Amino acid sequence: MDFLGNKKTLIIVLLFVSAAVLAQSKGTSDIKVCYGRKSRCFLKQIPCPKECPFASPTDKNAKICYLNCDSPICKAECKKRKPNCDGPGSACMDPRFIGGDGIVFYFHGKKNEYFSLVSDPNLQINARFIGLRPEGRTRDYTWIQALGLLFDSNSFSLEATKASAWDDEIDLLTFTYNGEELVIPESHLSVWQSPGNVIRVERTSSKNSVLITLPEVAEISVNVVPVTKEDDRIHNYQIPSDDCFAHLEVQFRFYGLSSNVEGVLGRTYQPDFKNPAKPGVAMPVVGGEQKYRTTSLVSADCIACVFAQSGKLDQTDSRVMDYGKLDCTGNSFGGNGIVCRK
């Protein structure tokens, strides 16, 4: 048995070395090898797309080569490190959403409260809003400070911790899984995954940026940013000197949602959804605070929530969009927030 174990180890090492040599000889792309034994891609050598060769972790605009070992296609993709705030499925700024229908809208919510962004039978995504209300204003200025995920019987959360001033060299992300704090080393492409690989978290830069993967369910690209002095000047937020209001930029990519998906963002993926955002308005605000308010970051008790802890997607249920009409020519997070598959 020891001989067989050593032989398998030797084979893996040789494959790794040969992959590195092959990548160096090509000079235009890296080679990825999937080591997940249960994956169809196990030990296959997969070249990265040529547009993202050896992406430098110091280049914020560079793309990264990402291999999804759970994919039956065994294909590497070239992805941007950060969320695209102008792409579908995004939630950025104060907060500005782009729905699955491609329409821009704002949802302000209220500071220090929780709202459901997505609620489906097998997935719940909540957000904690932070904010302030300057004197004379009739509503709160708000930003998304934390995300909470419920899936099967598990929970996961990440948040941007409070900081008086922004510093690029300080990581503000904190994580929990099933109520226990996680420590994910601050290094480019550092990875943590849960037992059974039901959730995977990869740092897409050494600090303040991650990609969260729920295999066959969703991918979530997250970046932490402050409210800048320029934003404060333009919008007259009146940000105090002791808080830069560090918050999240987020972009979601869904593999499949039921036709009755709910939530501030989730409802825009319903096949017959009619967006109430008024066209031609500079900041079309959409309400729903009462329907989507939850009591905590990891609860599914909003009025419109449809999440069930043991919920499974009904395979006979109609999907959110007609896949035949999707734009499948783009890179990651292309199309209408839905993954294109052959």
Protein backbone atom coordinates (compact mmCIF):
# COMPACT_ATOMS: atom_id res chain seq x y z
CA MET A 1 0.00 0.00 0.00
CA ASP A 2 2.86 2.37 0.82
CA PHE A 3 4.43 1.65 -2.57
CA LEU A 4 1.18 2.44 -4.36
CA GLY A 5 0.76 5.65 -2.36
CA ASN A 6 4.30 6.79 -3.16
CA LYS A 7 3.78 5.92 -6.83
CA LYS A 8 0.64 8.07 -7.01
CA THR A 9 2.49 10.93 -5.33
CA LEU A 10 5.36 10.61 -7.81
CA ILE A 11 2.93 10.66 -10.76
CA ILE A 12 1.28 13.86 -9.46
CA VAL A 13 4.66 15.54 -8.93
CA LEU A 14 5.82 14.59 -12.44
CA LEU A 15 2.57 15.91 -13.94
CA PHE A 16 3.00 19.16 -12.06
CA VAL A 17 6.58 19.58 -13.23
CA SER A 18 5.70 18.72 -16.84
CA ALA A 19 2.85 21.24 -16.74
CA ALA A 20 5.20 23.95 -15.54
CA VAL A 21 7.74 23.10 -18.26
CA LEU A 22 5.03 23.10 -20.90
CA ALA A 23 3.75 26.48 -19.72
CA GLN A 24 7.24 27.95 -19.83
CA SER A 25 7.85 26.58 -23.32
CA LYS A 26 4.65 28.10 -24.66
CA GLY A 27 5.40 31.44 -23.06
CA THR A 28 1.91 32.77 -23.77
CA SER A 29 -0.22 31.03 -21.20
CA ASP A 30 -0.09 29.18 -17.91
CA ILE A 31 -1.18 25.58 -17.39
CA LYS A 32 -3.63 24.61 -14.66
CA VAL A 33 -4.01 21.13 -13.21
CA CYS A 34 -7.07 20.10 -11.21
CA TYR A 35 -6.24 17.85 -8.25
CA GLY A 36 -9.80 17.20 -7.06
CA ARG A 37 -10.13 13.40 -7.20
CA LYS A 38 -13.93 13.53 -7.58
CA SER A 39 -13.75 15.97 -10.47
CA ARG A 40 -14.07 14.94 -14.10
CA CYS A 41 -11.10 17.21 -14.67
CA PHE A 42 -8.81 15.29 -12.26
CA LEU A 43 -5.16 15.59 -13.34
CA LYS A 44 -6.04 17.11 -16.72
CA GLN A 45 -3.65 19.80 -17.94
CA ILE A 46 -5.70 22.81 -18.98
CA PRO A 47 -4.11 25.87 -20.65
CA CYS A 48 -5.18 29.34 -19.58
CA PRO A 49 -6.55 31.75 -22.17
CA LYS A 50 -3.81 33.72 -23.90
CA GLU A 51 -5.24 37.07 -22.83
CA CYS A 52 -4.26 36.50 -19.19
CA PRO A 53 -0.77 34.95 -19.15
CA PHE A 54 0.99 34.96 -15.78
CA ALA A 55 -1.18 37.80 -14.41
CA SER A 56 0.81 39.90 -11.97
CA PRO A 57 -0.77 40.12 -8.48
CA THR A 58 0.37 43.76 -8.31
CA ASP A 59 -1.53 44.74 -11.46
CA LYS A 60 -5.06 45.70 -10.38
CA ASN A 61 -6.29 45.74 -13.96
CA ALA A 62 -4.89 42.34 -14.86
CA LYS A 63 -7.08 39.29 -15.25
CA ILE A 64 -6.57 35.98 -13.52
CA CYS A 65 -6.71 32.47 -14.88
CA TYR A 66 -9.35 30.50 -13.03
CA LEU A 67 -10.07 26.78 -13.25
CA ASN A 68 -13.40 25.48 -12.00
CA CYS A 69 -12.68 21.87 -11.09
CA ASP A 70 -16.40 21.19 -10.74
CA SER A 71 -17.09 22.01 -14.37
CA PRO A 72 -17.71 19.02 -16.70
CA ILE A 73 -16.18 21.04 -19.54
CA CYS A 74 -12.72 21.30 -17.87
CA LYS A 75 -12.08 24.77 -19.20
CA ALA A 76 -10.02 27.59 -17.71
CA GLU A 77 -11.38 31.12 -17.86
CA CYS A 78 -9.79 34.56 -17.82
CA LYS A 79 -11.52 36.71 -15.24
CA LYS A 80 -11.22 40.23 -13.98
CA ARG A 81 -10.05 40.47 -10.40
CA LYS A 82 -12.70 42.90 -9.29
CA PRO A 83 -16.50 43.16 -9.70
CA ASN A 84 -17.72 44.97 -12.79
CA CYS A 85 -20.03 47.63 -11.36
CA ASP A 86 -21.44 48.29 -14.82
CA GLY A 87 -22.29 44.64 -15.46
CA PRO A 88 -25.44 42.61 -14.73
CA GLY A 89 -25.82 41.22 -11.24
CA SER A 90 -23.80 44.03 -9.66
CA ALA A 91 -24.42 46.00 -6.46
CA CYS A 92 -22.06 48.92 -5.87
CA MET A 93 -21.92 52.46 -4.52
CA ASP A 94 -24.95 53.70 -2.55
CA PRO A 95 -26.23 50.97 -3.56
CA ARG A 96 -26.63 50.96 -7.31
CA PHE A 97 -27.89 47.67 -8.74
CA ILE A 98 -27.97 46.26 -12.25
CA GLY A 99 -30.56 43.51 -12.43
CA GLY A 100 -30.73 40.33 -14.42
CA ASP A 101 -32.83 42.33 -16.89
CA GLY A 102 -29.92 44.77 -17.41
CA ILE A 103 -31.83 47.71 -15.88
CA VAL A 104 -30.09 50.06 -13.42
CA PHE A 105 -31.89 50.89 -10.18
CA TYR A 106 -31.14 52.11 -6.66
CA PHE A 107 -32.34 50.56 -3.42
CA HIS A 108 -31.51 52.65 -0.35
CA GLY A 109 -32.95 50.56 2.46
CA LYS A 110 -31.97 51.88 5.91
CA LYS A 111 -28.72 52.09 7.84
CA ASN A 112 -27.90 49.32 10.34
CA GLU A 113 -30.59 47.03 8.94
CA TYR A 114 -30.60 43.80 6.90
CA PHE A 115 -32.25 43.12 3.55
CA SER A 116 -32.58 40.07 1.33
CA LEU A 117 -30.79 40.53 -2.00
CA VAL A 118 -31.63 37.03 -3.27
CA SER A 119 -34.06 34.46 -1.90
CA ASP A 120 -34.55 31.15 -3.69
CA PRO A 121 -35.43 27.67 -2.36
CA ASN A 122 -31.75 26.65 -2.17
CA LEU A 123 -30.03 30.03 -1.70
CA GLN A 124 -30.48 33.08 0.52
CA ILE A 125 -28.20 36.13 0.22
CA ASN A 126 -28.66 38.99 2.69
CA ALA A 127 -26.88 42.32 3.04
CA ARG A 128 -26.22 44.57 6.01
CA PHE A 129 -26.51 48.24 5.17
CA ILE A 130 -24.49 50.96 6.87
CA GLY A 131 -25.01 54.66 6.38
CA LEU A 132 -25.69 58.09 7.76
CA ARG A 133 -28.34 60.78 7.51
CA PRO A 134 -26.98 64.33 7.43
CA GLU A 135 -29.11 67.04 8.98
CA GLY A 136 -31.88 68.16 6.66
CA ARG A 137 -32.00 64.91 4.67
CA THR A 138 -35.20 62.83 4.50
CA ARG A 139 -33.48 59.46 4.02
CA ASP A 140 -30.29 57.60 4.87
CA TYR A 141 -27.31 57.42 2.58
CA THR A 142 -26.49 53.70 2.61
CA TRP A 143 -23.85 51.21 1.47
CA ILE A 144 -23.57 47.40 1.62
CA GLN A 145 -21.16 46.54 4.42
CA ALA A 146 -21.63 42.77 4.75
CA LEU A 147 -23.11 39.73 3.00
CA GLY A 148 -24.67 36.67 4.60
CA LEU A 149 -25.30 33.43 2.68
CA LEU A 150 -27.56 30.52 3.56
CA PHE A 151 -27.36 27.30 1.53
CA ASP A 152 -28.46 23.79 2.53
CA SER A 153 -27.88 23.80 6.31
CA ASN A 154 -24.82 26.06 6.14
CA SER A 155 -24.18 29.77 6.62
CA PHE A 156 -21.34 31.99 5.47
CA SER A 157 -20.73 35.69 5.97
CA LEU A 158 -18.13 38.27 5.03
CA GLU A 159 -17.93 41.90 5.99
CA ALA A 160 -15.84 45.02 5.66
CA THR A 161 -14.71 46.11 9.11
CA LYS A 162 -14.89 49.74 10.14
CA ALA A 163 -11.84 51.93 9.47
CA SER A 164 -11.27 55.59 10.27
CA ALA A 165 -9.11 56.06 7.16
CA TRP A 166 -8.49 53.95 4.07
CA ASP A 167 -5.14 52.17 3.70
CA ASP A 168 -4.45 49.89 0.71
CA GLU A 169 -2.06 47.85 2.86
CA ILE A 170 -4.68 46.86 5.44
CA ASP A 171 -7.12 44.02 4.81
CA LEU A 172 -10.60 44.81 6.12
CA LEU A 173 -12.34 41.55 5.17
CA THR A 174 -13.53 39.17 7.88
CA PHE A 175 -15.22 35.81 7.31
CA THR A 176 -17.33 33.30 9.22
CA TYR A 177 -18.56 29.82 8.30
CA ASN A 178 -21.37 28.27 10.32
CA GLY A 179 -20.76 30.86 13.04
CA GLU A 180 -17.01 30.19 13.34
CA GLU A 181 -14.47 32.83 12.31
CA LEU A 182 -12.30 31.96 9.31
CA VAL A 183 -8.73 33.06 8.70
CA ILE A 184 -7.78 33.18 5.02
CA PRO A 185 -4.09 34.09 4.55
CA GLU A 186 -3.42 37.44 2.92
CA SER A 187 -1.78 36.31 -0.27
CA HIS A 188 -2.77 36.41 -3.92
CA LEU A 189 -4.90 33.37 -4.86
CA SER A 190 -4.94 32.07 -1.28
CA VAL A 191 -7.85 29.62 -1.06
CA TRP A 192 -10.12 28.23 1.65
CA GLN A 193 -12.79 25.64 0.99
CA SER A 194 -15.26 23.93 3.29
CA PRO A 195 -15.42 20.19 3.91
CA GLY A 196 -17.03 18.61 0.87
CA ASN A 197 -16.23 21.76 -1.14
CA VAL A 198 -19.74 23.18 -0.73
CA ILE A 199 -18.22 26.67 -0.69
CA ARG A 200 -14.85 28.01 -1.84
CA VAL A 201 -13.26 31.40 -1.12
CA GLU A 202 -10.30 32.62 -3.17
CA ARG A 203 -8.44 35.88 -2.66
CA THR A 204 -8.17 37.59 -6.04
CA SER A 205 -5.69 40.07 -4.58
CA SER A 206 -3.71 39.84 -1.37
CA LYS A 207 -6.14 42.16 0.42
CA ASN A 208 -9.78 43.21 0.22
CA SER A 209 -10.88 41.19 -2.84
CA VAL A 210 -12.30 37.65 -3.03
CA LEU A 211 -14.21 35.31 -5.30
CA ILE A 212 -16.79 33.12 -3.54
CA THR A 213 -17.93 29.98 -5.33
CA LEU A 214 -20.93 27.82 -4.50
CA PRO A 215 -20.45 25.01 -7.04
CA GLU A 216 -23.38 24.70 -9.45
CA VAL A 217 -25.18 27.55 -7.66
CA ALA A 218 -23.41 30.93 -7.81
CA GLU A 219 -20.19 32.91 -7.97
CA ILE A 220 -19.80 36.17 -6.07
CA SER A 221 -17.01 38.64 -6.79
CA VAL A 222 -16.39 41.03 -3.88
CA ASN A 223 -14.17 44.07 -3.41
CA VAL A 224 -13.83 46.43 -0.42
CA VAL A 225 -13.65 50.17 -1.10
CA PRO A 226 -14.05 53.38 0.92
CA VAL A 227 -16.27 56.37 0.27
CA THR A 228 -13.70 58.64 -1.34
CA LYS A 229 -13.31 62.36 -0.71
CA GLU A 230 -14.34 62.98 -4.30
CA ASP A 231 -17.55 60.97 -3.86
CA ASP A 232 -18.19 62.84 -0.62
CA ARG A 233 -17.75 66.17 -2.37
CA ILE A 234 -19.97 65.29 -5.35
CA HIS A 235 -22.84 63.80 -3.35
CA ASN A 236 -22.45 65.84 -0.16
CA TYR A 237 -22.54 62.73 2.02
CA GLN A 238 -20.86 64.63 4.88
CA ILE A 239 -18.65 61.66 5.78
CA PRO A 240 -17.20 62.08 9.29
CA SER A 241 -13.44 62.22 9.84
CA ASP A 242 -13.37 59.04 11.96
CA ASP A 243 -15.04 56.65 9.47
CA CYS A 244 -14.28 56.10 5.76
CA PHE A 245 -17.42 53.91 5.46
CA ALA A 246 -15.60 50.92 3.97
CA HIS A 247 -18.16 48.92 2.01
CA LEU A 248 -18.54 46.18 -0.57
CA GLU A 249 -18.66 46.24 -4.33
CA VAL A 250 -20.35 43.00 -5.41
CA GLN A 251 -21.17 41.16 -8.60
CA PHE A 252 -23.22 37.96 -8.71
CA ARG A 253 -23.23 35.22 -11.31
CA PHE A 254 -25.95 32.58 -11.00
CA TYR A 255 -25.91 29.08 -12.47
CA GLY A 256 -29.65 28.55 -12.13
CA LEU A 257 -32.52 30.16 -10.26
CA SER A 258 -36.16 29.18 -9.88
CA SER A 259 -38.82 31.23 -11.62
CA ASN A 260 -40.13 32.56 -8.29
CA VAL A 261 -36.77 33.85 -7.02
CA GLU A 262 -37.19 36.88 -4.76
CA GLY A 263 -35.07 39.59 -3.17
CA VAL A 264 -34.05 43.15 -4.00
CA LEU A 265 -31.86 41.84 -6.84
CA GLY A 266 -33.26 38.33 -7.19
CA ARG A 267 -36.70 39.45 -8.38
CA THR A 268 -35.10 40.95 -11.51
CA TYR A 269 -34.32 37.37 -12.63
CA GLN A 270 -37.99 36.35 -12.66
CA PRO A 271 -39.04 35.57 -16.26
CA ASP A 272 -42.06 37.89 -16.15
CA PHE A 273 -40.57 40.63 -13.95
CA LYS A 274 -41.50 44.20 -14.87
CA ASN A 275 -38.93 46.58 -13.38
CA PRO A 276 -40.62 49.58 -11.74
CA ALA A 277 -37.49 51.71 -12.22
CA LYS A 278 -38.49 54.75 -14.27
CA PRO A 279 -36.55 55.00 -17.54
CA GLY A 280 -34.71 58.25 -18.19
CA VAL A 281 -34.42 59.11 -14.47
CA ALA A 282 -30.87 59.82 -13.23
CA MET A 283 -31.34 57.74 -10.05
CA PRO A 284 -34.36 55.42 -10.43
CA VAL A 285 -35.13 54.32 -6.86
CA VAL A 286 -37.00 51.05 -6.30
CA GLY A 287 -38.59 50.30 -2.94
CA GLY A 288 -39.44 47.09 -1.12
CA GLU A 289 -37.94 47.66 2.33
CA GLN A 290 -40.88 46.04 4.12
CA LYS A 291 -40.91 42.96 1.86
CA TYR A 292 -37.18 42.27 2.05
CA ARG A 293 -36.16 43.26 5.59
CA THR A 294 -34.65 40.39 7.62
CA THR A 295 -33.81 40.26 11.31
CA SER A 296 -30.17 39.27 10.84
CA LEU A 297 -27.45 38.71 8.27
CA VAL A 298 -28.11 34.96 8.21
CA SER A 299 -31.88 34.67 8.52
CA ALA A 300 -34.53 34.11 5.87
CA ASP A 301 -37.52 35.63 7.67
CA CYS A 302 -38.45 38.46 5.32
CA ILE A 303 -42.06 38.65 4.14
CA ALA A 304 -41.14 37.69 0.57
CA CYS A 305 -38.39 35.16 1.38
CA VAL A 306 -38.76 31.71 -0.23
CA PHE A 307 -35.58 30.01 1.05
CA ALA A 308 -35.99 26.56 2.62
CA GLN A 309 -33.04 25.09 4.50
CA SER A 310 -33.36 21.78 2.69
CA GLY A 311 -34.61 23.47 -0.48
CA LYS A 312 -33.65 21.91 -3.78
CA LEU A 313 -34.23 23.41 -7.18
CA ASP A 314 -37.27 21.85 -8.87
CA GLN A 315 -35.84 20.59 -12.15
CA THR A 316 -39.28 20.96 -13.79
CA ASP A 317 -39.46 24.62 -12.84
CA SER A 318 -38.98 27.15 -15.61
CA ARG A 319 -35.66 28.93 -15.54
CA VAL A 320 -35.32 32.63 -15.10
CA MET A 321 -34.37 33.42 -18.68
CA ASP A 322 -34.46 31.73 -22.05
CA TYR A 323 -30.88 30.41 -22.40
CA GLY A 324 -31.18 30.59 -26.16
CA LYS A 325 -31.37 34.39 -25.96
CA LEU A 326 -28.32 34.85 -23.77
CA ASP A 327 -25.15 36.52 -24.96
CA CYS A 328 -22.56 33.79 -24.48
CA THR A 329 -19.73 35.50 -26.34
CA GLY A 330 -18.28 37.41 -23.40
CA ASN A 331 -15.96 36.43 -20.56
CA SER A 332 -16.83 35.92 -16.92
CA PHE A 333 -19.94 37.69 -15.68
CA GLY A 334 -21.10 38.16 -19.28
CA GLY A 335 -24.62 37.68 -20.53
CA ASN A 336 -27.47 38.58 -18.23
CA GLY A 337 -26.02 37.35 -14.98
CA ILE A 338 -26.61 33.71 -15.92
CA VAL A 339 -23.86 31.27 -16.80
CA CYS A 340 -23.87 30.09 -20.42
CA ARG A 341 -23.53 26.34 -20.87
CA LYS A 342 -23.35 24.04 -23.83
